């Protein structure tokens, strides 16, 4: 049959961006060693962690001087994400920052980070074969039918398993459901999580996006 289409294209509607930033290997090695030392000071002596649980520090590490350099990297990456989105208002702050320690059997169940715009995670120490973060499809109707595919691609399936490594930072929308698989190694998996939110949200960001034509009568 002759080609009847003058043009055929695919348009990605409502994409969900995920930003991935890898530190220079030498920088990552130094920063990760410093982060591990600082985290150890915070959690020792640590309580008994139940099987399947995760030990998390206070979410106020962005207030500690020991984490100032790491938080500067978070600000730099967050600013790049805001710029990519071409937002009008980009004045943001870290609203929470904490360390996650997954011992053997530890995991992070599916969750979101409410009351924030962006969230992220940085990988400090990853045992072999334990480097994944899983993002669930945010479209509730998409899982109603999942036909088999010849080859995996971003248009099929209901979750994305993103491979990660030490020195990698991943930033994503705070509303996106994500999880971390079970750590099946004998070593601990250590990461740093953070949230970003607009400083001037009520003053600049949350105002109506439209202007009505009817005058206000007093």
Protein backbone atom coordinates (compact mmCIF):
# COMPACT_ATOMS: atom_id res chain seq x y z
CA UNK A 1 0.00 0.00 0.00
CA UNK A 2 1.29 3.43 -0.88
CA UNK A 3 2.20 5.74 1.98
CA UNK A 4 -0.91 7.82 2.70
CA UNK A 5 0.57 9.91 5.51
CA UNK A 6 2.24 13.18 4.62
CA UNK A 7 3.73 13.30 8.09
CA UNK A 8 3.75 11.05 11.16
CA UNK A 9 5.05 12.21 14.54
CA UNK A 10 4.81 11.48 18.25
CA UNK A 11 4.22 14.25 20.78
CA UNK A 12 5.07 13.76 24.46
CA UNK A 13 2.21 15.31 26.42
CA UNK A 14 2.56 16.25 30.11
CA UNK A 15 6.08 14.84 30.59
CA UNK A 16 7.43 14.28 34.11
CA UNK A 17 11.02 15.59 34.31
CA UNK A 18 13.65 13.90 36.45
CA UNK A 19 17.05 15.56 36.68
CA UNK A 20 20.22 13.48 37.11
CA UNK A 21 23.53 15.11 38.05
CA UNK A 22 26.78 13.20 38.56
CA UNK A 23 29.59 14.80 40.53
CA UNK A 24 33.14 14.68 39.25
CA UNK A 25 34.52 11.34 40.58
CA UNK A 26 37.28 12.99 42.63
CA UNK A 27 34.84 15.48 44.14
CA UNK A 28 32.34 12.71 44.89
CA UNK A 29 34.96 10.58 46.64
CA UNK A 30 35.94 13.43 48.94
CA UNK A 31 32.41 14.64 49.69
CA UNK A 32 31.09 11.12 50.29
CA UNK A 33 33.85 10.41 52.81
CA UNK A 34 33.05 13.64 54.64
CA UNK A 35 29.31 12.92 54.58
CA UNK A 36 29.79 9.40 55.93
CA UNK A 37 31.87 10.72 58.82
CA UNK A 38 29.33 13.42 59.65
CA UNK A 39 26.40 11.01 59.45
CA UNK A 40 28.16 8.48 61.68
CA UNK A 41 28.58 11.13 64.35
CA UNK A 42 24.84 11.84 64.22
CA UNK A 43 23.59 8.27 64.44
CA UNK A 44 26.06 6.68 66.86
CA UNK A 45 25.16 5.01 69.10
CA UNK A 46 22.21 4.04 66.96
CA UNK A 47 19.14 2.12 68.21
CA UNK A 48 18.27 -1.37 67.07
CA UNK A 49 16.77 -1.08 63.59
CA UNK A 50 13.95 -3.57 62.91
CA UNK A 51 14.33 -5.79 59.84
CA UNK A 52 12.94 -4.03 56.80
CA UNK A 53 13.24 -0.58 58.35
CA UNK A 54 15.31 2.46 57.50
CA UNK A 55 17.19 4.67 59.95
CA UNK A 56 16.75 8.37 59.18
CA UNK A 57 18.40 11.35 60.84
CA UNK A 58 16.71 14.60 61.78
CA UNK A 59 15.46 16.43 58.65
CA UNK A 60 17.33 19.58 59.68
CA UNK A 61 20.80 18.74 58.38
CA UNK A 62 20.71 21.84 56.15
CA UNK A 63 21.06 23.81 59.40
CA UNK A 64 24.34 22.06 60.33
CA UNK A 65 27.66 23.53 59.24
CA UNK A 66 29.04 20.04 58.50
CA UNK A 67 26.59 19.77 55.58
CA UNK A 68 27.05 23.30 54.18
CA UNK A 69 29.05 22.19 51.11
CA UNK A 70 26.54 19.48 50.27
CA UNK A 71 23.65 21.94 50.60
CA UNK A 72 25.45 24.34 48.28
CA UNK A 73 25.47 21.56 45.66
CA UNK A 74 21.75 21.00 46.26
CA UNK A 75 21.08 24.71 45.68
CA UNK A 76 23.11 24.65 42.47
CA UNK A 77 21.26 21.60 41.12
CA UNK A 78 17.88 22.96 42.25
CA UNK A 79 18.53 26.26 40.48
CA UNK A 80 19.33 24.36 37.27
CA UNK A 81 16.04 22.46 37.54
CA UNK A 82 14.09 25.69 38.08
CA UNK A 83 15.84 27.24 35.08
CA UNK A 84 15.02 24.23 32.92
CA UNK A 85 11.33 24.68 33.77
CA UNK A 86 11.62 28.36 32.83
CA UNK A 87 9.78 29.40 35.97
CA UNK A 88 9.02 33.05 36.61
CA UNK A 89 9.80 32.74 40.33
CA UNK A 90 12.91 30.77 41.31
CA UNK A 91 13.59 31.94 44.85
CA UNK A 92 13.63 28.65 46.75
CA UNK A 93 15.05 27.17 49.93
CA UNK A 94 15.84 23.75 51.38
CA UNK A 95 12.93 22.89 53.67
CA UNK A 96 14.32 19.55 54.82
CA UNK A 97 17.51 17.53 54.48
CA UNK A 98 18.25 14.18 56.10
CA UNK A 99 20.33 11.02 55.79
CA UNK A 100 18.86 7.58 55.05
CA UNK A 101 20.60 4.42 56.22
CA UNK A 102 19.29 1.16 54.76
CA UNK A 103 20.83 -1.82 56.59
CA UNK A 104 20.45 -5.33 55.21
CA UNK A 105 16.73 -5.79 54.48
CA UNK A 106 16.10 -2.03 54.66
CA UNK A 107 13.89 -0.29 52.12
CA UNK A 108 11.82 2.84 51.50
CA UNK A 109 8.15 2.17 50.78
CA UNK A 110 6.31 4.18 48.06
CA UNK A 111 5.74 7.76 49.20
CA UNK A 112 5.68 11.43 48.20
CA UNK A 113 7.00 14.59 49.91
CA UNK A 114 3.96 16.84 50.55
CA UNK A 115 4.14 20.65 50.79
CA UNK A 116 7.24 20.89 48.60
CA UNK A 117 7.86 21.62 44.92
CA UNK A 118 10.92 19.46 44.24
CA UNK A 119 12.58 16.62 46.12
CA UNK A 120 15.85 14.83 45.62
CA UNK A 121 18.31 12.22 46.76
CA UNK A 122 22.10 11.98 46.64
CA UNK A 123 23.91 8.66 46.91
CA UNK A 124 26.75 8.49 49.43
CA UNK A 125 27.41 4.74 49.69
CA UNK A 126 25.88 2.00 47.57
CA UNK A 127 26.59 -1.71 48.01
CA UNK A 128 26.88 -3.67 44.79
CA UNK A 129 23.57 -4.39 43.02
CA UNK A 130 21.59 -2.06 45.28
CA UNK A 131 21.53 1.12 43.21
CA UNK A 132 17.97 1.82 42.12
CA UNK A 133 15.19 4.28 42.79
CA UNK A 134 11.73 3.38 41.48
CA UNK A 135 9.24 5.96 40.18
CA UNK A 136 5.57 5.02 39.80
CA UNK A 137 3.48 6.15 36.85
CA UNK A 138 1.54 9.19 38.13
CA UNK A 139 -1.33 8.65 35.66
CA UNK A 140 -4.03 6.73 37.56
CA UNK A 141 -5.76 5.40 34.43
CA UNK A 142 -2.60 4.19 32.69
CA UNK A 143 -2.55 0.84 34.52
CA UNK A 144 -6.07 -0.12 33.44
CA UNK A 145 -4.57 -2.05 30.52
CA UNK A 146 -0.93 -3.08 30.15
CA UNK A 147 -0.43 -5.07 26.92
CA UNK A 148 2.89 -6.94 26.55
CA UNK A 149 5.53 -5.04 24.58
CA UNK A 150 8.22 -6.34 22.26
CA UNK A 151 10.78 -4.07 23.91
CA UNK A 152 10.73 -1.93 27.04
CA UNK A 153 10.48 1.81 26.46
CA UNK A 154 9.26 4.90 28.30
CA UNK A 155 5.77 4.59 26.84
CA UNK A 156 4.94 1.19 28.34
CA UNK A 157 4.91 -0.19 31.87
CA UNK A 158 3.72 1.40 35.09
CA UNK A 159 7.02 2.18 36.80
CA UNK A 160 10.52 3.31 35.94
CA UNK A 161 13.58 1.83 37.67
CA UNK A 162 16.31 4.45 37.53
CA UNK A 163 19.84 3.15 38.04
CA UNK A 164 21.91 5.21 40.46
CA UNK A 165 25.48 5.24 41.73
CA UNK A 166 27.67 6.90 44.34
CA UNK A 167 28.06 10.60 43.59
CA UNK A 168 24.77 10.85 41.69
CA UNK A 169 22.04 13.34 42.59
CA UNK A 170 18.48 12.82 41.37
CA UNK A 171 15.85 15.59 41.56
CA UNK A 172 12.18 15.05 40.81
CA UNK A 173 8.72 16.60 41.44
CA UNK A 174 7.85 16.20 45.13
CA UNK A 175 4.42 14.77 44.20
CA UNK A 176 5.91 11.86 42.24
CA UNK A 177 5.51 8.53 44.05
CA UNK A 178 8.89 6.86 44.54
CA UNK A 179 10.41 4.00 46.49
CA UNK A 180 13.70 2.19 47.10
CA UNK A 181 14.00 -1.62 46.78
CA UNK A 182 15.21 -3.88 49.57
CA UNK A 183 18.91 -3.75 50.33
CA UNK A 184 19.88 -7.41 49.91
CA UNK A 185 23.57 -6.88 50.51
CA UNK A 186 25.48 -7.25 53.77
CA UNK A 187 26.53 -3.58 53.67
CA UNK A 188 24.60 -0.42 54.49
CA UNK A 189 23.14 1.80 51.77
CA UNK A 190 23.51 5.50 52.64
CA UNK A 191 21.89 8.44 50.89
CA UNK A 192 20.96 12.06 51.53
CA UNK A 193 17.43 13.28 50.81
CA UNK A 194 16.16 16.84 50.55
CA UNK A 195 13.12 18.98 49.74
CA UNK A 196 12.96 22.31 47.93
CA UNK A 197 10.16 24.88 48.16
CA UNK A 198 9.60 28.47 47.06
CA UNK A 199 10.54 31.02 49.71
CA UNK A 200 7.90 33.50 48.54
CA UNK A 201 5.16 30.98 47.76
CA UNK A 202 2.16 32.88 49.16
CA UNK A 203 3.42 36.26 47.98
CA UNK A 204 4.51 35.40 44.46
CA UNK A 205 3.68 31.86 43.38
CA UNK A 206 0.21 31.04 44.70
CA UNK A 207 -1.59 34.12 43.34
CA UNK A 208 -4.32 33.57 40.69
CA UNK A 209 -2.93 32.82 37.24
CA UNK A 210 -5.67 34.85 35.54
CA UNK A 211 -7.28 38.28 35.85
CA UNK A 212 -11.06 38.60 35.79
CA UNK A 213 -12.74 41.28 33.70
CA UNK A 214 -15.56 42.10 36.11
CA UNK A 215 -14.78 45.03 38.43
CA UNK A 216 -14.90 44.59 42.20
CA UNK A 217 -17.86 46.49 43.65
CA UNK A 218 -17.68 47.78 47.17
